[in-house]
C-alpha cells in the first residue's frame, strides 16, 4: 500500500511538471504584447474567472499586488449580476478559463468588449469563445489532468498559476521592482522585516549594559544579570574596549578558584564582534550565524557604543 501511495504522488508530480515544462513552448508574441499592454495601461489589472480558475485568479491578484502591479479580483458570475462596475475605463482584464466556453464567460466577454477594455485570456483552448474573442490569448493547454478520471482541475490550474507567475515576474523585472519596494508592501510579515528592520529598531528596545574596565566581578555579574542580555560592554573613558558574555563568566569560574579580586578587564574579550546601528537586522543575523554567537555590539559611525542586539531580538521579530 505504501508503494501505491508514493507512486501516485510521484506520478501526479511528474504529470504536472511535464505540463509546466511544455508551457515554455506555448509562450509567443501574445505574451509579449499582453505584458506591454499592462505596462502601458493607466488603470489596474482586473482578473476574473469561475470555479477553480477563480481561485487561481485570487492568487495571481495577490502576487501582482505584492510586486507593484495594482490588481483586483472579480468573480465572473458576480460580474454579470452587478459587479461589472469594478472595471474602469483604463483597466486591463485578464480572464482565466480552462475551456474558454463556460456560460458565464460567454456572457461576460461581450460586456467587457463593449467598453473597449483590453482582454487577456489565459485558457487551455485557444480556439474557444474566450480564446478567439480576447485581445491577447495566452495558451495554457495541458494534455491531461493529474486526476485519473481526467476531470478534477489539477494540472490545468497549476498551468494557469505558473502563467500568472510568469506575468508577475516579467512585470516586476521590467518595472525594476526592488527589495525595498517589496518591503513597502510587506511591512508586517517576517519577510518584510528582513528587508526594512534595522539594528537600531531592535537595540532601542533593550537596556544598555556597560561596566568600566576596573569594575569588580560581582558588579559585572549584577550588570549582566539585571540588563538581561547575557552580556555587557566594557568601557574605558567612554570608549569601547571589550565585551563580556555569559560564556566568559563560565570560563572564568572554571579557571579560577579565587576570582573575587578580578575585574572586567581580566576576563573581557578585547576584539568583540560589532555591527553598525544603521545596518539591516538581517545582516546582524548573518554575522551571528557565521560566528556562532548570540550577541553583537551595536556602534555608530564614530565607533561609540550604542547597545547590544541579541539573537532573541531577531527570533522575536521572526527574522531568525
C-alpha atoms as a PDB file:
ATOM      1  CA  UNK A   1       0.000   0.000   0.000  1.00  0.00           C
ATOM      2  CA  UNK A   2       2.834   2.411   0.859  1.00  0.00           C
ATOM      3  CA  UNK A   3       4.350   1.867  -2.583  1.00  0.00           C
ATOM      4  CA  UNK A   4       0.986   2.693  -4.161  1.00  0.00           C
ATOM      5  CA  UNK A   5       0.759   5.932  -2.186  1.00  0.00           C
ATOM      6  CA  UNK A   6       4.244   7.013  -3.197  1.00  0.00           C
ATOM      7  CA  UNK A   7       3.809   6.042  -6.837  1.00  0.00           C
ATOM      8  CA  UNK A   8       0.542   8.006  -7.105  1.00  0.00           C
ATOM      9  CA  UNK A   9       2.157  11.077  -5.588  1.00  0.00           C
ATOM     10  CA  UNK A  10       5.205  10.842  -7.865  1.00  0.00           C
ATOM     11  CA  UNK A  11       3.020  10.271 -10.935  1.00  0.00           C
ATOM     12  CA  UNK A  12       0.995  13.381 -10.088  1.00  0.00           C
ATOM     13  CA  UNK A  13       4.104  15.497  -9.710  1.00  0.00           C
ATOM     14  CA  UNK A  14       5.613  14.126 -12.936  1.00  0.00           C
ATOM     15  CA  UNK A  15       2.427  14.857 -14.907  1.00  0.00           C
ATOM     16  CA  UNK A  16       2.234  18.407 -13.638  1.00  0.00           C
ATOM     17  CA  UNK A  17       5.942  19.151 -14.011  1.00  0.00           C
ATOM     18  CA  UNK A  18       5.902  17.933 -17.630  1.00  0.00           C
ATOM     19  CA  UNK A  19       2.887  20.106 -18.354  1.00  0.00           C
ATOM     20  CA  UNK A  20       4.616  23.138 -16.846  1.00  0.00           C
ATOM     21  CA  UNK A  21       7.774  22.471 -18.851  1.00  0.00           C
ATOM     22  CA  UNK A  22       5.651  22.403 -22.002  1.00  0.00           C
ATOM     23  CA  UNK A  23       4.367  25.914 -21.300  1.00  0.00           C
ATOM     24  CA  UNK A  24       7.658  27.378 -22.493  1.00  0.00           C
ATOM     25  CA  UNK A  25       6.810  26.090 -25.984  1.00  0.00           C
ATOM     26  CA  UNK A  26       3.447  27.871 -25.858  1.00  0.00           C
ATOM     27  CA  UNK A  27       4.810  31.324 -24.967  1.00  0.00           C
ATOM     28  CA  UNK A  28       4.637  33.527 -28.074  1.00  0.00           C
ATOM     29  CA  UNK A  29       4.174  37.133 -29.176  1.00  0.00           C
ATOM     30  CA  UNK A  30       0.778  37.204 -27.475  1.00  0.00           C
ATOM     31  CA  UNK A  31       2.552  37.074 -24.127  1.00  0.00           C
ATOM     32  CA  UNK A  32       4.905  39.888 -25.085  1.00  0.00           C
ATOM     33  CA  UNK A  33       2.038  42.054 -26.322  1.00  0.00           C
ATOM     34  CA  UNK A  34      -0.033  41.317 -23.224  1.00  0.00           C
ATOM     35  CA  UNK A  35       2.826  42.438 -20.984  1.00  0.00           C
ATOM     36  CA  UNK A  36       3.257  45.654 -22.989  1.00  0.00           C
ATOM     37  CA  UNK A  37      -0.481  46.262 -22.696  1.00  0.00           C
ATOM     38  CA  UNK A  38      -0.327  46.013 -18.895  1.00  0.00           C
ATOM     39  CA  UNK A  39       2.805  48.168 -18.702  1.00  0.00           C
ATOM     40  CA  UNK A  40       1.192  50.906 -20.766  1.00  0.00           C
ATOM     41  CA  UNK A  41      -2.170  50.988 -19.046  1.00  0.00           C
ATOM     42  CA  UNK A  42      -3.040  53.848 -16.716  1.00  0.00           C
ATOM     43  CA  UNK A  43      -5.516  51.656 -14.873  1.00  0.00           C
ATOM     44  CA  UNK A  44      -5.455  48.417 -12.925  1.00  0.00           C
ATOM     45  CA  UNK A  45      -5.453  44.748 -13.812  1.00  0.00           C
ATOM     46  CA  UNK A  46      -8.819  43.092 -13.215  1.00  0.00           C
ATOM     47  CA  UNK A  47      -8.595  39.297 -13.057  1.00  0.00           C
ATOM     48  CA  UNK A  48     -11.699  37.162 -13.407  1.00  0.00           C
ATOM     49  CA  UNK A  49     -12.678  33.523 -13.620  1.00  0.00           C
ATOM     50  CA  UNK A  50     -15.149  30.989 -12.288  1.00  0.00           C
ATOM     51  CA  UNK A  51     -14.791  27.779 -10.305  1.00  0.00           C
ATOM     52  CA  UNK A  52     -11.211  26.646  -9.723  1.00  0.00           C
ATOM     53  CA  UNK A  53      -9.998  29.280 -12.174  1.00  0.00           C
ATOM     54  CA  UNK A  54     -11.436  31.928  -9.840  1.00  0.00           C
ATOM     55  CA  UNK A  55      -9.325  30.535  -7.002  1.00  0.00           C
ATOM     56  CA  UNK A  56      -6.233  30.775  -9.202  1.00  0.00           C
ATOM     57  CA  UNK A  57      -7.224  34.322 -10.144  1.00  0.00           C
ATOM     58  CA  UNK A  58      -7.214  35.419  -6.497  1.00  0.00           C
ATOM     59  CA  UNK A  59      -3.676  34.081  -6.055  1.00  0.00           C
ATOM     60  CA  UNK A  60      -2.428  35.886  -9.163  1.00  0.00           C
ATOM     61  CA  UNK A  61      -4.063  39.097  -7.925  1.00  0.00           C
ATOM     62  CA  UNK A  62      -2.215  38.743  -4.610  1.00  0.00           C
ATOM     63  CA  UNK A  63       1.097  38.163  -6.400  1.00  0.00           C
ATOM     64  CA  UNK A  64       0.653  41.150  -8.698  1.00  0.00           C
ATOM     65  CA  UNK A  65      -0.330  43.471  -5.854  1.00  0.00           C
ATOM     66  CA  UNK A  66       2.676  42.438  -3.784  1.00  0.00           C
ATOM     67  CA  UNK A  67       5.040  43.061  -6.691  1.00  0.00           C
ATOM     68  CA  UNK A  68       3.828  46.504  -7.690  1.00  0.00           C
ATOM     69  CA  UNK A  69       1.032  45.906 -10.214  1.00  0.00           C
ATOM     70  CA  UNK A  70      -2.338  47.110  -8.803  1.00  0.00           C
ATOM     71  CA  UNK A  71      -4.869  44.311  -9.301  1.00  0.00           C
ATOM     72  CA  UNK A  72      -8.429  43.392  -8.305  1.00  0.00           C
ATOM     73  CA  UNK A  73     -10.285  40.077  -8.398  1.00  0.00           C
ATOM     74  CA  UNK A  74     -13.741  39.989  -9.973  1.00  0.00           C
ATOM     75  CA  UNK A  75     -15.746  36.762  -9.899  1.00  0.00           C
ATOM     76  CA  UNK A  76     -17.179  36.082 -13.352  1.00  0.00           C
ATOM     77  CA  UNK A  77     -20.596  35.073 -12.011  1.00  0.00           C
ATOM     78  CA  UNK A  78     -20.843  38.147  -9.779  1.00  0.00           C
ATOM     79  CA  UNK A  79     -19.720  40.377 -12.642  1.00  0.00           C
ATOM     80  CA  UNK A  80     -22.825  39.632 -14.692  1.00  0.00           C
ATOM     81  CA  UNK A  81     -25.000  40.220 -11.636  1.00  0.00           C
ATOM     82  CA  UNK A  82     -23.853  43.692 -10.679  1.00  0.00           C
ATOM     83  CA  UNK A  83     -20.070  43.657 -10.117  1.00  0.00           C
ATOM     84  CA  UNK A  84     -19.173  44.692 -13.661  1.00  0.00           C
ATOM     85  CA  UNK A  85     -18.789  48.227 -12.328  1.00  0.00           C
ATOM     86  CA  UNK A  86     -15.453  47.167 -10.853  1.00  0.00           C
ATOM     87  CA  UNK A  87     -13.943  47.578 -14.323  1.00  0.00           C
ATOM     88  CA  UNK A  88     -12.980  51.179 -15.020  1.00  0.00           C
ATOM     89  CA  UNK A  89     -12.137  52.853 -18.315  1.00  0.00           C
ATOM     90  CA  UNK A  90      -8.357  52.284 -18.324  1.00  0.00           C
ATOM     91  CA  UNK A  91      -8.332  48.817 -16.766  1.00  0.00           C
ATOM     92  CA  UNK A  92      -6.986  45.675 -18.401  1.00  0.00           C
ATOM     93  CA  UNK A  93      -8.959  42.461 -17.831  1.00  0.00           C
ATOM     94  CA  UNK A  94      -7.351  39.037 -17.509  1.00  0.00           C
ATOM     95  CA  UNK A  95      -9.882  36.247 -17.906  1.00  0.00           C
ATOM     96  CA  UNK A  96      -8.952  32.713 -16.810  1.00  0.00           C
ATOM     97  CA  UNK A  97     -10.816  29.643 -18.076  1.00  0.00           C
ATOM     98  CA  UNK A  98      -9.585  26.188 -18.993  1.00  0.00           C
ATOM     99  CA  UNK A  99     -12.287  25.540 -21.608  1.00  0.00           C
ATOM    100  CA  UNK A 100     -12.928  29.164 -22.539  1.00  0.00           C
ATOM    101  CA  UNK A 101     -16.542  28.248 -23.207  1.00  0.00           C
ATOM    102  CA  UNK A 102     -18.310  28.425 -19.840  1.00  0.00           C
ATOM    103  CA  UNK A 103     -21.715  30.202 -19.953  1.00  0.00           C
ATOM    104  CA  UNK A 104     -20.614  32.984 -17.599  1.00  0.00           C
ATOM    105  CA  UNK A 105     -17.562  33.733 -19.728  1.00  0.00           C
ATOM    106  CA  UNK A 106     -19.665  33.852 -22.897  1.00  0.00           C
ATOM    107  CA  UNK A 107     -21.943  36.441 -21.293  1.00  0.00           C
ATOM    108  CA  UNK A 108     -19.128  38.444 -19.695  1.00  0.00           C
ATOM    109  CA  UNK A 109     -16.706  38.879 -22.592  1.00  0.00           C
ATOM    110  CA  UNK A 110     -19.052  40.898 -24.881  1.00  0.00           C
ATOM    111  CA  UNK A 111     -19.892  43.202 -21.962  1.00  0.00           C
ATOM    112  CA  UNK A 112     -16.205  43.916 -21.351  1.00  0.00           C
ATOM    113  CA  UNK A 113     -15.515  44.429 -25.062  1.00  0.00           C
ATOM    114  CA  UNK A 114     -18.389  46.881 -25.258  1.00  0.00           C
ATOM    115  CA  UNK A 115     -16.390  49.247 -23.052  1.00  0.00           C
ATOM    116  CA  UNK A 116     -13.192  48.699 -25.075  1.00  0.00           C
ATOM    117  CA  UNK A 117     -11.171  47.247 -22.207  1.00  0.00           C
ATOM    118  CA  UNK A 118      -8.323  45.013 -23.443  1.00  0.00           C
ATOM    119  CA  UNK A 119      -8.872  41.339 -22.576  1.00  0.00           C
ATOM    120  CA  UNK A 120      -6.027  38.937 -21.898  1.00  0.00           C
ATOM    121  CA  UNK A 121      -7.161  35.315 -21.970  1.00  0.00           C
ATOM    122  CA  UNK A 122      -5.450  32.549 -20.042  1.00  0.00           C
ATOM    123  CA  UNK A 123      -7.014  29.416 -21.454  1.00  0.00           C
ATOM    124  CA  UNK A 124      -6.235  25.839 -22.352  1.00  0.00           C
ATOM    125  CA  UNK A 125      -8.305  26.133 -25.537  1.00  0.00           C
ATOM    126  CA  UNK A 126      -7.161  28.932 -27.816  1.00  0.00           C
ATOM    127  CA  UNK A 127      -9.953  28.102 -30.309  1.00  0.00           C
ATOM    128  CA  UNK A 128     -12.649  28.625 -27.662  1.00  0.00           C
ATOM    129  CA  UNK A 129     -15.009  31.585 -27.406  1.00  0.00           C
ATOM    130  CA  UNK A 130     -12.661  33.279 -24.922  1.00  0.00           C
ATOM    131  CA  UNK A 131      -9.568  32.400 -26.946  1.00  0.00           C
ATOM    132  CA  UNK A 132     -10.906  33.915 -30.144  1.00  0.00           C
ATOM    133  CA  UNK A 133     -12.569  36.967 -28.582  1.00  0.00           C
ATOM    134  CA  UNK A 134      -9.688  38.099 -26.367  1.00  0.00           C
ATOM    135  CA  UNK A 135      -7.276  40.838 -27.368  1.00  0.00           C
ATOM    136  CA  UNK A 136      -4.344  38.588 -26.447  1.00  0.00           C
ATOM    137  CA  UNK A 137      -4.541  34.851 -25.761  1.00  0.00           C
ATOM    138  CA  UNK A 138      -2.066  33.019 -23.533  1.00  0.00           C
ATOM    139  CA  UNK A 139      -2.119  29.283 -24.158  1.00  0.00           C
ATOM    140  CA  UNK A 140      -2.106  27.057 -21.040  1.00  0.00           C
ATOM    141  CA  UNK A 141      -3.031  23.820 -22.798  1.00  0.00           C
ATOM    142  CA  UNK A 142      -2.356  20.615 -20.861  1.00  0.00           C
ATOM    143  CA  UNK A 143      -2.638  17.145 -22.302  1.00  0.00           C
ATOM    144  CA  UNK A 144      -4.434  15.714 -19.288  1.00  0.00           C
ATOM    145  CA  UNK A 145      -5.312  16.393 -15.681  1.00  0.00           C
ATOM    146  CA  UNK A 146      -3.440  14.598 -12.910  1.00  0.00           C
ATOM    147  CA  UNK A 147      -6.827  13.293 -11.802  1.00  0.00           C
ATOM    148  CA  UNK A 148      -7.098   9.661 -13.028  1.00  0.00           C
ATOM    149  CA  UNK A 149     -10.557  10.448 -14.422  1.00  0.00           C
ATOM    150  CA  UNK A 150      -9.135  13.483 -16.235  1.00  0.00           C
ATOM    151  CA  UNK A 151     -11.857  15.584 -14.609  1.00  0.00           C
ATOM    152  CA  UNK A 152     -10.713  17.412 -11.456  1.00  0.00           C
ATOM    153  CA  UNK A 153      -8.787  20.592 -12.345  1.00  0.00           C
ATOM    154  CA  UNK A 154      -5.242  19.842 -11.252  1.00  0.00           C
ATOM    155  CA  UNK A 155      -2.636  20.111 -13.985  1.00  0.00           C
ATOM    156  CA  UNK A 156      -4.666  22.792 -15.757  1.00  0.00           C
ATOM    157  CA  UNK A 157      -4.919  25.052 -12.698  1.00  0.00           C
ATOM    158  CA  UNK A 158      -1.210  24.608 -12.000  1.00  0.00           C
ATOM    159  CA  UNK A 159      -0.501  25.758 -15.553  1.00  0.00           C
ATOM    160  CA  UNK A 160      -2.731  28.802 -15.027  1.00  0.00           C
ATOM    161  CA  UNK A 161      -0.917  29.671 -11.829  1.00  0.00           C
ATOM    162  CA  UNK A 162       2.502  29.372 -13.456  1.00  0.00           C
ATOM    163  CA  UNK A 163       1.395  31.596 -16.336  1.00  0.00           C
ATOM    164  CA  UNK A 164       0.274  34.145 -13.751  1.00  0.00           C
ATOM    165  CA  UNK A 165       3.672  33.947 -12.078  1.00  0.00           C
ATOM    166  CA  UNK A 166       5.349  34.464 -15.452  1.00  0.00           C
ATOM    167  CA  UNK A 167       3.273  37.617 -15.945  1.00  0.00           C
ATOM    168  CA  UNK A 168       4.027  38.912 -12.436  1.00  0.00           C
ATOM    169  CA  UNK A 169       7.770  38.275 -12.558  1.00  0.00           C
ATOM    170  CA  UNK A 170       8.094  39.758 -16.042  1.00  0.00           C
ATOM    171  CA  UNK A 171       6.310  42.921 -14.906  1.00  0.00           C
ATOM    172  CA  UNK A 172       8.408  43.007 -11.735  1.00  0.00           C
ATOM    173  CA  UNK A 173      11.665  42.962 -13.668  1.00  0.00           C
ATOM    174  CA  UNK A 174      10.558  45.403 -16.345  1.00  0.00           C
ATOM    175  CA  UNK A 175       9.342  47.816 -13.665  1.00  0.00           C
ATOM    176  CA  UNK A 176      12.685  47.412 -11.851  1.00  0.00           C
ATOM    177  CA  UNK A 177      10.821  46.472  -8.684  1.00  0.00           C
ATOM    178  CA  UNK A 178      13.420  46.164  -5.899  1.00  0.00           C
ATOM    179  CA  UNK A 179      13.567  44.511  -2.491  1.00  0.00           C
ATOM    180  CA  UNK A 180      12.954  47.941  -0.932  1.00  0.00           C
ATOM    181  CA  UNK A 181       9.762  48.256  -2.977  1.00  0.00           C
ATOM    182  CA  UNK A 182       8.777  44.762  -1.872  1.00  0.00           C
ATOM    183  CA  UNK A 183       9.247  45.712   1.772  1.00  0.00           C
ATOM    184  CA  UNK A 184       6.798  48.607   1.403  1.00  0.00           C
ATOM    185  CA  UNK A 185       4.052  46.131   0.536  1.00  0.00           C
ATOM    186  CA  UNK A 186       5.016  43.622   3.260  1.00  0.00           C
ATOM    187  CA  UNK A 187       5.682  45.720   6.376  1.00  0.00           C
ATOM    188  CA  UNK A 188       4.005  43.346   8.811  1.00  0.00           C
ATOM    189  CA  UNK A 189       5.398  39.987   7.820  1.00  0.00           C
ATOM    190  CA  UNK A 190       8.694  38.360   8.648  1.00  0.00           C
ATOM    191  CA  UNK A 191       9.703  38.637   5.004  1.00  0.00           C
ATOM    192  CA  UNK A 192       9.174  42.376   5.011  1.00  0.00           C
ATOM    193  CA  UNK A 193      11.012  42.786   8.288  1.00  0.00           C
ATOM    194  CA  UNK A 194      14.059  41.167   6.726  1.00  0.00           C
ATOM    195  CA  UNK A 195      14.019  43.981   4.187  1.00  0.00           C
ATOM    196  CA  UNK A 196      13.393  47.052   6.340  1.00  0.00           C
ATOM    197  CA  UNK A 197      14.160  46.324  10.007  1.00  0.00           C
ATOM    198  CA  UNK A 198      17.444  47.823  11.189  1.00  0.00           C
ATOM    199  CA  UNK A 199      19.672  47.075  14.164  1.00  0.00           C
ATOM    200  CA  UNK A 200      18.650  50.413  15.695  1.00  0.00           C
ATOM    201  CA  UNK A 201      14.992  49.332  15.706  1.00  0.00           C
ATOM    202  CA  UNK A 202      15.875  46.421  17.972  1.00  0.00           C
ATOM    203  CA  UNK A 203      18.622  47.942  20.108  1.00  0.00           C
ATOM    204  CA  UNK A 204      16.463  50.882  21.180  1.00  0.00           C
ATOM    205  CA  UNK A 205      14.094  48.442  22.930  1.00  0.00           C
ATOM    206  CA  UNK A 206      16.884  46.959  25.041  1.00  0.00           C
ATOM    207  CA  UNK A 207      18.781  48.005  28.128  1.00  0.00           C
ATOM    208  CA  UNK A 208      22.344  49.214  27.541  1.00  0.00           C
ATOM    209  CA  UNK A 209      24.602  47.150  29.820  1.00  0.00           C
ATOM    210  CA  UNK A 210      28.032  48.598  30.470  1.00  0.00           C
ATOM    211  CA  UNK A 211      30.798  48.441  33.052  1.00  0.00           C
ATOM    212  CA  UNK A 212      34.150  50.093  33.498  1.00  0.00           C
ATOM    213  CA  UNK A 213      37.316  48.145  32.783  1.00  0.00           C
ATOM    214  CA  UNK A 214      38.092  48.224  36.503  1.00  0.00           C
ATOM    215  CA  UNK A 215      34.653  47.137  37.674  1.00  0.00           C
ATOM    216  CA  UNK A 216      34.887  44.151  40.003  1.00  0.00           C
ATOM    217  CA  UNK A 217      33.430  40.763  39.071  1.00  0.00           C
ATOM    218  CA  UNK A 218      30.481  40.957  41.436  1.00  0.00           C
ATOM    219  CA  UNK A 219      29.247  44.233  39.947  1.00  0.00           C
ATOM    220  CA  UNK A 220      29.909  42.931  36.441  1.00  0.00           C
ATOM    221  CA  UNK A 221      27.781  39.857  37.127  1.00  0.00           C
ATOM    222  CA  UNK A 222      24.993  42.045  38.503  1.00  0.00           C
ATOM    223  CA  UNK A 223      25.077  44.269  35.397  1.00  0.00           C
ATOM    224  CA  UNK A 224      24.790  41.276  33.078  1.00  0.00           C
ATOM    225  CA  UNK A 225      22.008  39.773  35.177  1.00  0.00           C
ATOM    226  CA  UNK A 226      19.995  42.973  35.600  1.00  0.00           C
ATOM    227  CA  UNK A 227      20.121  44.055  31.944  1.00  0.00           C
ATOM    228  CA  UNK A 228      19.100  40.537  30.768  1.00  0.00           C
ATOM    229  CA  UNK A 229      21.061  40.422  27.533  1.00  0.00           C
ATOM    230  CA  UNK A 230      23.603  37.839  28.623  1.00  0.00           C
ATOM    231  CA  UNK A 231      26.476  40.256  28.132  1.00  0.00           C
ATOM    232  CA  UNK A 232      27.886  43.678  28.855  1.00  0.00           C
ATOM    233  CA  UNK A 233      30.146  46.105  27.091  1.00  0.00           C
ATOM    234  CA  UNK A 234      33.336  47.224  28.819  1.00  0.00           C
ATOM    235  CA  UNK A 235      34.155  50.928  28.527  1.00  0.00           C
ATOM    236  CA  UNK A 236      37.167  52.994  29.428  1.00  0.00           C
ATOM    237  CA  UNK A 237      36.924  56.779  29.131  1.00  0.00           C
ATOM    238  CA  UNK A 238      33.620  56.215  27.329  1.00  0.00           C
ATOM    239  CA  UNK A 239      35.356  54.150  24.664  1.00  0.00           C
ATOM    240  CA  UNK A 240      34.562  50.513  23.933  1.00  0.00           C
ATOM    241  CA  UNK A 241      37.492  48.349  24.990  1.00  0.00           C
ATOM    242  CA  UNK A 242      35.923  44.918  25.479  1.00  0.00           C
ATOM    243  CA  UNK A 243      32.919  42.649  25.837  1.00  0.00           C
ATOM    244  CA  UNK A 244      31.911  40.098  28.469  1.00  0.00           C
ATOM    245  CA  UNK A 245      29.337  37.367  27.858  1.00  0.00           C
ATOM    246  CA  UNK A 246      27.813  34.636  29.986  1.00  0.00           C
ATOM    247  CA  UNK A 247      30.302  32.299  28.332  1.00  0.00           C
ATOM    248  CA  UNK A 248      33.221  34.414  29.519  1.00  0.00           C
ATOM    249  CA  UNK A 249      31.852  34.247  33.068  1.00  0.00           C
ATOM    250  CA  UNK A 250      31.555  30.457  32.940  1.00  0.00           C
ATOM    251  CA  UNK A 251      35.095  30.076  31.607  1.00  0.00           C
ATOM    252  CA  UNK A 252      36.367  32.352  34.366  1.00  0.00           C
ATOM    253  CA  UNK A 253      34.670  30.242  37.044  1.00  0.00           C
ATOM    254  CA  UNK A 254      36.189  27.067  35.617  1.00  0.00           C
ATOM    255  CA  UNK A 255      39.710  28.511  35.565  1.00  0.00           C
ATOM    256  CA  UNK A 256      39.792  30.490  38.808  1.00  0.00           C
ATOM    257  CA  UNK A 257      39.032  29.401  42.355  1.00  0.00           C
ATOM    258  CA  UNK A 258      39.752  32.871  43.638  1.00  0.00           C
ATOM    259  CA  UNK A 259      38.015  35.278  41.290  1.00  0.00           C
ATOM    260  CA  UNK A 260      36.679  37.930  43.644  1.00  0.00           C
ATOM    261  CA  UNK A 261      39.724  40.110  43.073  1.00  0.00           C
ATOM    262  CA  UNK A 262      39.355  40.011  39.285  1.00  0.00           C
ATOM    263  CA  UNK A 263      37.981  42.934  37.305  1.00  0.00           C
ATOM    264  CA  UNK A 264      36.154  43.245  33.999  1.00  0.00           C
ATOM    265  CA  UNK A 265      39.360  43.789  32.033  1.00  0.00           C
ATOM    266  CA  UNK A 266      40.722  40.457  33.310  1.00  0.00           C
ATOM    267  CA  UNK A 267      38.047  38.386  31.565  1.00  0.00           C
ATOM    268  CA  UNK A 268      36.770  40.540  28.717  1.00  0.00           C
ATOM    269  CA  UNK A 269      37.179  39.804  25.018  1.00  0.00           C
ATOM    270  CA  UNK A 270      39.205  42.613  23.515  1.00  0.00           C
ATOM    271  CA  UNK A 271      38.115  42.179  19.893  1.00  0.00           C
ATOM    272  CA  UNK A 272      34.333  41.710  20.092  1.00  0.00           C
ATOM    273  CA  UNK A 273      32.140  41.481  17.013  1.00  0.00           C
ATOM    274  CA  UNK A 274      30.406  44.765  16.300  1.00  0.00           C
ATOM    275  CA  UNK A 275      27.774  45.976  13.871  1.00  0.00           C
ATOM    276  CA  UNK A 276      26.741  49.453  12.804  1.00  0.00           C
ATOM    277  CA  UNK A 277      23.478  50.539  14.365  1.00  0.00           C
ATOM    278  CA  UNK A 278      22.179  51.522  10.904  1.00  0.00           C
ATOM    279  CA  UNK A 279      22.836  48.059   9.440  1.00  0.00           C
ATOM    280  CA  UNK A 280      19.932  45.821   8.491  1.00  0.00           C
ATOM    281  CA  UNK A 281      18.801  43.340  11.140  1.00  0.00           C
ATOM    282  CA  UNK A 282      19.232  40.526   8.610  1.00  0.00           C
ATOM    283  CA  UNK A 283      22.939  41.436   8.431  1.00  0.00           C
ATOM    284  CA  UNK A 284      23.159  41.001  12.201  1.00  0.00           C
ATOM    285  CA  UNK A 285      21.593  37.568  11.830  1.00  0.00           C
ATOM    286  CA  UNK A 286      24.158  36.513   9.225  1.00  0.00           C
ATOM    287  CA  UNK A 287      27.027  37.778  11.398  1.00  0.00           C
ATOM    288  CA  UNK A 288      25.743  35.803  14.381  1.00  0.00           C
ATOM    289  CA  UNK A 289      25.308  32.677  12.276  1.00  0.00           C
ATOM    290  CA  UNK A 290      28.753  32.913  10.692  1.00  0.00           C
ATOM    291  CA  UNK A 291      30.481  33.439  14.033  1.00  0.00           C
ATOM    292  CA  UNK A 292      28.277  31.141  16.130  1.00  0.00           C
ATOM    293  CA  UNK A 293      27.475  33.894  18.643  1.00  0.00           C
ATOM    294  CA  UNK A 294      24.305  35.156  20.310  1.00  0.00           C
ATOM    295  CA  UNK A 295      25.039  38.870  20.771  1.00  0.00           C
ATOM    296  CA  UNK A 296      26.531  41.735  18.833  1.00  0.00           C
ATOM    297  CA  UNK A 297      27.655  45.160  19.985  1.00  0.00           C
ATOM    298  CA  UNK A 298      25.944  47.991  18.134  1.00  0.00           C
ATOM    299  CA  UNK A 299      28.061  51.049  17.391  1.00  0.00           C
ATOM    300  CA  UNK A 300      27.517  54.282  15.488  1.00  0.00           C
ATOM    301  CA  UNK A 301      29.630  55.697  12.673  1.00  0.00           C
ATOM    302  CA  UNK A 302      32.088  57.133  15.226  1.00  0.00           C
ATOM    303  CA  UNK A 303      32.559  53.763  16.909  1.00  0.00           C
ATOM    304  CA  UNK A 304      30.623  54.813  20.005  1.00  0.00           C
ATOM    305  CA  UNK A 305      28.809  52.069  21.920  1.00  0.00           C
ATOM    306  CA  UNK A 306      25.015  52.189  21.451  1.00  0.00           C
ATOM    307  CA  UNK A 307      23.785  48.895  22.867  1.00  0.00           C
ATOM    308  CA  UNK A 308      23.536  45.162  22.281  1.00  0.00           C
ATOM    309  CA  UNK A 309      21.431  43.178  19.826  1.00  0.00           C
ATOM    310  CA  UNK A 310      20.616  39.652  20.990  1.00  0.00           C
ATOM    311  CA  UNK A 311      19.609  36.641  18.916  1.00  0.00           C
ATOM    312  CA  UNK A 312      16.340  36.589  20.865  1.00  0.00           C
ATOM    313  CA  UNK A 313      15.508  40.008  19.380  1.00  0.00           C
ATOM    314  CA  UNK A 314      15.751  38.508  15.897  1.00  0.00           C
ATOM    315  CA  UNK A 315      13.736  35.441  16.855  1.00  0.00           C
ATOM    316  CA  UNK A 316      11.010  37.601  18.390  1.00  0.00           C
ATOM    317  CA  UNK A 317      10.657  39.532  15.126  1.00  0.00           C
ATOM    318  CA  UNK A 318      10.537  36.327  13.075  1.00  0.00           C
ATOM    319  CA  UNK A 319      13.776  37.126  11.268  1.00  0.00           C
ATOM    320  CA  UNK A 320      15.879  34.262  12.622  1.00  0.00           C
END
